[in-house]
N, C-alpha and C. Protein backbone atom coordinates (compact mmCIF):
# COMPACT_ATOMS: atom_id res chain seq x y z
N MET A 1 202.12 19.03 -18.50
CA MET A 1 203.37 18.31 -18.61
C MET A 1 203.87 18.37 -20.03
N ASP A 2 205.15 18.66 -20.21
CA ASP A 2 205.75 18.81 -21.52
C ASP A 2 206.20 17.43 -22.03
N ASN A 3 205.60 16.96 -23.12
CA ASN A 3 205.93 15.65 -23.68
C ASN A 3 207.16 15.68 -24.57
N SER A 4 207.67 16.86 -24.92
CA SER A 4 208.81 16.94 -25.81
C SER A 4 210.07 16.34 -25.19
N GLU A 5 210.15 16.31 -23.87
CA GLU A 5 211.32 15.73 -23.22
C GLU A 5 211.34 14.22 -23.33
N ASN A 6 210.21 13.58 -23.57
CA ASN A 6 210.12 12.14 -23.66
C ASN A 6 210.33 11.61 -25.07
N LEU A 7 210.44 12.47 -26.06
CA LEU A 7 210.61 12.05 -27.44
C LEU A 7 212.05 11.60 -27.67
N GLU A 8 212.20 10.45 -28.32
CA GLU A 8 213.53 9.95 -28.65
C GLU A 8 213.95 10.48 -30.00
N THR A 9 215.24 10.73 -30.15
CA THR A 9 215.76 11.15 -31.44
C THR A 9 215.91 9.94 -32.35
N LYS A 10 216.15 10.19 -33.62
CA LYS A 10 216.34 9.12 -34.60
C LYS A 10 217.50 8.20 -34.18
N ASN A 11 218.57 8.77 -33.68
CA ASN A 11 219.72 7.97 -33.25
C ASN A 11 219.42 7.17 -32.00
N GLU A 12 218.64 7.72 -31.08
CA GLU A 12 218.27 6.98 -29.87
C GLU A 12 217.40 5.78 -30.23
N ILE A 13 216.50 5.96 -31.17
CA ILE A 13 215.66 4.85 -31.62
C ILE A 13 216.53 3.79 -32.29
N LYS A 14 217.50 4.23 -33.10
CA LYS A 14 218.40 3.31 -33.79
C LYS A 14 219.24 2.51 -32.78
N ALA A 15 219.59 3.11 -31.66
CA ALA A 15 220.45 2.46 -30.68
C ALA A 15 219.71 1.44 -29.82
N ASN A 16 218.41 1.56 -29.71
CA ASN A 16 217.63 0.61 -28.91
C ASN A 16 217.65 -0.76 -29.57
N ASN A 17 218.05 -1.78 -28.81
CA ASN A 17 218.12 -3.17 -29.29
C ASN A 17 218.96 -3.30 -30.55
N LEU A 18 220.07 -2.61 -30.59
CA LEU A 18 220.96 -2.61 -31.75
C LEU A 18 221.87 -3.83 -31.71
N LEU A 19 221.96 -4.56 -32.82
CA LEU A 19 222.87 -5.67 -32.95
C LEU A 19 224.23 -5.12 -33.37
N ILE A 20 225.26 -5.47 -32.62
CA ILE A 20 226.59 -4.93 -32.90
C ILE A 20 227.30 -5.80 -33.92
N ASN A 21 227.25 -5.37 -35.17
CA ASN A 21 228.02 -6.02 -36.23
C ASN A 21 229.31 -5.27 -36.47
N ASP A 22 229.27 -3.97 -36.30
CA ASP A 22 230.44 -3.12 -36.51
C ASP A 22 230.57 -2.21 -35.29
N PRO A 23 231.55 -2.49 -34.41
CA PRO A 23 231.67 -1.69 -33.19
C PRO A 23 231.91 -0.20 -33.45
N LEU A 24 232.59 0.12 -34.53
CA LEU A 24 232.83 1.54 -34.84
C LEU A 24 231.53 2.25 -35.18
N GLU A 25 230.67 1.60 -35.94
CA GLU A 25 229.38 2.20 -36.28
C GLU A 25 228.55 2.44 -35.02
N VAL A 26 228.56 1.48 -34.10
CA VAL A 26 227.82 1.62 -32.85
C VAL A 26 228.38 2.79 -32.03
N LEU A 27 229.70 2.88 -31.94
CA LEU A 27 230.31 3.98 -31.19
C LEU A 27 229.92 5.33 -31.80
N LEU A 28 229.93 5.41 -33.11
CA LEU A 28 229.57 6.68 -33.75
C LEU A 28 228.11 7.04 -33.50
N ILE A 29 227.23 6.04 -33.47
CA ILE A 29 225.82 6.29 -33.14
C ILE A 29 225.72 6.82 -31.71
N LEU A 30 226.44 6.19 -30.79
CA LEU A 30 226.42 6.65 -29.40
C LEU A 30 226.97 8.06 -29.26
N LEU A 31 228.06 8.36 -29.97
CA LEU A 31 228.61 9.71 -29.90
C LEU A 31 227.64 10.73 -30.48
N GLU A 32 226.93 10.36 -31.54
CA GLU A 32 225.92 11.27 -32.10
C GLU A 32 224.81 11.53 -31.09
N ILE A 33 224.42 10.51 -30.35
CA ILE A 33 223.41 10.68 -29.31
C ILE A 33 223.91 11.66 -28.26
N GLY A 34 225.17 11.52 -27.85
CA GLY A 34 225.75 12.45 -26.88
C GLY A 34 225.74 13.88 -27.39
N ILE A 35 226.08 14.05 -28.65
CA ILE A 35 226.10 15.38 -29.26
C ILE A 35 224.68 15.95 -29.33
N GLU A 36 223.70 15.10 -29.67
CA GLU A 36 222.30 15.55 -29.70
C GLU A 36 221.82 15.99 -28.32
N ARG A 37 222.42 15.40 -27.30
CA ARG A 37 222.06 15.77 -25.92
C ARG A 37 222.85 16.97 -25.42
N GLY A 38 223.65 17.56 -26.29
CA GLY A 38 224.36 18.78 -25.93
C GLY A 38 225.76 18.58 -25.40
N LEU A 39 226.30 17.37 -25.52
CA LEU A 39 227.67 17.11 -25.06
C LEU A 39 228.62 17.23 -26.24
N ASN A 40 229.81 17.76 -25.98
CA ASN A 40 230.84 17.72 -27.01
C ASN A 40 231.80 16.57 -26.68
N LEU A 41 232.77 16.32 -27.55
CA LEU A 41 233.67 15.18 -27.33
C LEU A 41 234.52 15.34 -26.08
N SER A 42 234.86 16.56 -25.71
CA SER A 42 235.60 16.78 -24.47
C SER A 42 234.78 16.37 -23.26
N GLU A 43 233.51 16.72 -23.27
CA GLU A 43 232.62 16.34 -22.17
C GLU A 43 232.38 14.83 -22.15
N MET A 44 232.26 14.24 -23.34
CA MET A 44 232.11 12.79 -23.41
C MET A 44 233.36 12.10 -22.86
N SER A 45 234.50 12.65 -23.17
CA SER A 45 235.76 12.11 -22.66
C SER A 45 235.79 12.15 -21.14
N ALA A 46 235.37 13.24 -20.57
CA ALA A 46 235.35 13.38 -19.11
C ALA A 46 234.36 12.40 -18.48
N LYS A 47 233.18 12.25 -19.09
CA LYS A 47 232.16 11.35 -18.54
C LYS A 47 232.58 9.88 -18.63
N THR A 48 233.30 9.53 -19.69
CA THR A 48 233.64 8.13 -19.93
C THR A 48 235.04 7.77 -19.45
N GLN A 49 235.85 8.78 -19.17
CA GLN A 49 237.26 8.61 -18.81
C GLN A 49 238.03 7.92 -19.94
N ILE A 50 237.62 8.23 -21.17
CA ILE A 50 238.35 7.79 -22.36
C ILE A 50 239.05 9.02 -22.90
N ASN A 51 240.30 8.86 -23.27
CA ASN A 51 241.10 9.97 -23.78
C ASN A 51 240.37 10.67 -24.93
N LYS A 52 240.31 11.99 -24.85
CA LYS A 52 239.64 12.80 -25.86
C LYS A 52 240.21 12.54 -27.26
N HIS A 53 241.51 12.37 -27.35
CA HIS A 53 242.14 12.14 -28.65
C HIS A 53 241.73 10.79 -29.23
N GLN A 54 241.49 9.82 -28.35
CA GLN A 54 241.01 8.51 -28.81
C GLN A 54 239.62 8.65 -29.43
N LEU A 55 238.75 9.40 -28.79
CA LEU A 55 237.40 9.60 -29.35
C LEU A 55 237.47 10.33 -30.69
N TYR A 56 238.32 11.36 -30.78
CA TYR A 56 238.48 12.08 -32.04
C TYR A 56 239.00 11.14 -33.13
N ARG A 57 239.93 10.24 -32.74
CA ARG A 57 240.51 9.33 -33.72
C ARG A 57 239.44 8.41 -34.30
N TYR A 58 238.54 7.92 -33.45
CA TYR A 58 237.47 7.07 -33.96
C TYR A 58 236.59 7.82 -34.94
N THR A 59 236.25 9.06 -34.66
CA THR A 59 235.38 9.82 -35.56
C THR A 59 236.11 10.20 -36.85
N ARG A 60 237.37 10.53 -36.74
CA ARG A 60 238.14 10.97 -37.91
C ARG A 60 238.45 9.82 -38.85
N ASP A 61 238.74 8.63 -38.31
CA ASP A 61 239.19 7.51 -39.12
C ASP A 61 238.07 6.68 -39.72
N PHE A 62 236.83 7.10 -39.55
CA PHE A 62 235.72 6.27 -39.98
C PHE A 62 235.81 5.89 -41.45
N ASN A 63 236.24 6.79 -42.30
CA ASN A 63 236.33 6.50 -43.74
C ASN A 63 237.75 6.19 -44.18
N SER A 64 238.65 6.01 -43.27
CA SER A 64 240.04 5.71 -43.59
C SER A 64 240.21 4.22 -43.84
N GLN A 65 241.26 3.84 -44.56
CA GLN A 65 241.53 2.43 -44.81
C GLN A 65 242.08 1.73 -43.58
N GLU A 66 242.72 2.45 -42.69
CA GLU A 66 243.31 1.88 -41.49
C GLU A 66 242.46 2.25 -40.27
N THR A 67 241.20 1.95 -40.34
CA THR A 67 240.28 2.30 -39.27
C THR A 67 240.52 1.43 -38.05
N SER A 68 240.60 2.07 -36.90
CA SER A 68 240.69 1.31 -35.65
C SER A 68 239.28 1.10 -35.12
N HIS A 69 239.07 -0.03 -34.46
CA HIS A 69 237.74 -0.35 -33.94
C HIS A 69 237.77 -0.33 -32.42
N PRO A 70 236.75 0.24 -31.81
CA PRO A 70 236.69 0.28 -30.35
C PRO A 70 236.48 -1.12 -29.78
N ASN A 71 237.00 -1.33 -28.59
CA ASN A 71 236.78 -2.61 -27.93
C ASN A 71 235.51 -2.54 -27.08
N ILE A 72 235.15 -3.65 -26.48
CA ILE A 72 233.91 -3.72 -25.71
C ILE A 72 233.94 -2.79 -24.50
N THR A 73 235.11 -2.59 -23.91
CA THR A 73 235.23 -1.68 -22.76
C THR A 73 234.89 -0.25 -23.17
N THR A 74 235.41 0.17 -24.31
CA THR A 74 235.13 1.52 -24.81
C THR A 74 233.64 1.67 -25.09
N LEU A 75 233.06 0.69 -25.78
CA LEU A 75 231.62 0.76 -26.07
C LEU A 75 230.80 0.81 -24.79
N SER A 76 231.18 0.00 -23.81
CA SER A 76 230.44 -0.04 -22.54
C SER A 76 230.51 1.30 -21.81
N LYS A 77 231.69 1.91 -21.77
CA LYS A 77 231.84 3.19 -21.08
C LYS A 77 231.00 4.28 -21.72
N VAL A 78 231.02 4.34 -23.05
CA VAL A 78 230.25 5.37 -23.75
C VAL A 78 228.76 5.09 -23.59
N ALA A 79 228.37 3.83 -23.74
CA ALA A 79 226.95 3.48 -23.60
C ALA A 79 226.46 3.82 -22.20
N GLU A 80 227.22 3.46 -21.18
CA GLU A 80 226.82 3.72 -19.80
C GLU A 80 226.70 5.21 -19.52
N ALA A 81 227.61 6.00 -20.07
CA ALA A 81 227.56 7.46 -19.86
C ALA A 81 226.29 8.07 -20.44
N LEU A 82 225.70 7.39 -21.42
CA LEU A 82 224.48 7.91 -22.07
C LEU A 82 223.22 7.19 -21.61
N GLY A 83 223.36 6.29 -20.64
CA GLY A 83 222.19 5.60 -20.10
C GLY A 83 221.84 4.31 -20.84
N TYR A 84 222.77 3.76 -21.59
CA TYR A 84 222.57 2.49 -22.29
C TYR A 84 223.44 1.42 -21.65
N GLU A 85 223.17 0.17 -21.99
CA GLU A 85 224.02 -0.92 -21.55
C GLU A 85 224.21 -1.90 -22.70
N ILE A 86 225.33 -2.60 -22.65
CA ILE A 86 225.63 -3.62 -23.65
C ILE A 86 225.23 -4.97 -23.04
N ARG A 87 224.46 -5.75 -23.77
CA ARG A 87 223.99 -7.06 -23.27
C ARG A 87 224.35 -8.15 -24.26
N LEU A 88 224.59 -9.31 -23.70
CA LEU A 88 224.75 -10.50 -24.53
C LEU A 88 223.42 -11.23 -24.57
N VAL A 89 223.04 -11.68 -25.75
CA VAL A 89 221.78 -12.38 -25.92
C VAL A 89 222.08 -13.66 -26.68
N LYS A 90 221.53 -14.77 -26.21
CA LYS A 90 221.72 -16.05 -26.87
C LYS A 90 221.00 -16.05 -28.21
N LYS A 91 221.73 -16.53 -29.24
CA LYS A 91 221.12 -16.65 -30.55
C LYS A 91 220.07 -17.75 -30.54
N ASN A 92 219.10 -17.60 -31.40
CA ASN A 92 218.07 -18.65 -31.54
C ASN A 92 218.59 -19.77 -32.41
């Protein structure tokens, strides 16, 4: 049995139990995971049913002063397409 398929990438490990302080940073981590899995932004757009230009805008504007931030629906769609889910957890 090949164990290489079970190894998580650095971004997948980072995404596990991630606290969302910055939704744009989380989206970029998820998009990087998709790219590591061999998907391009067009394929991610098709899987998530989010406009391809919207995904490009998030990646392009990351260092811009007028950065747009994804909403919870966008994060949920991208996370679900990659096998993740967004959960609410009560603070201690």
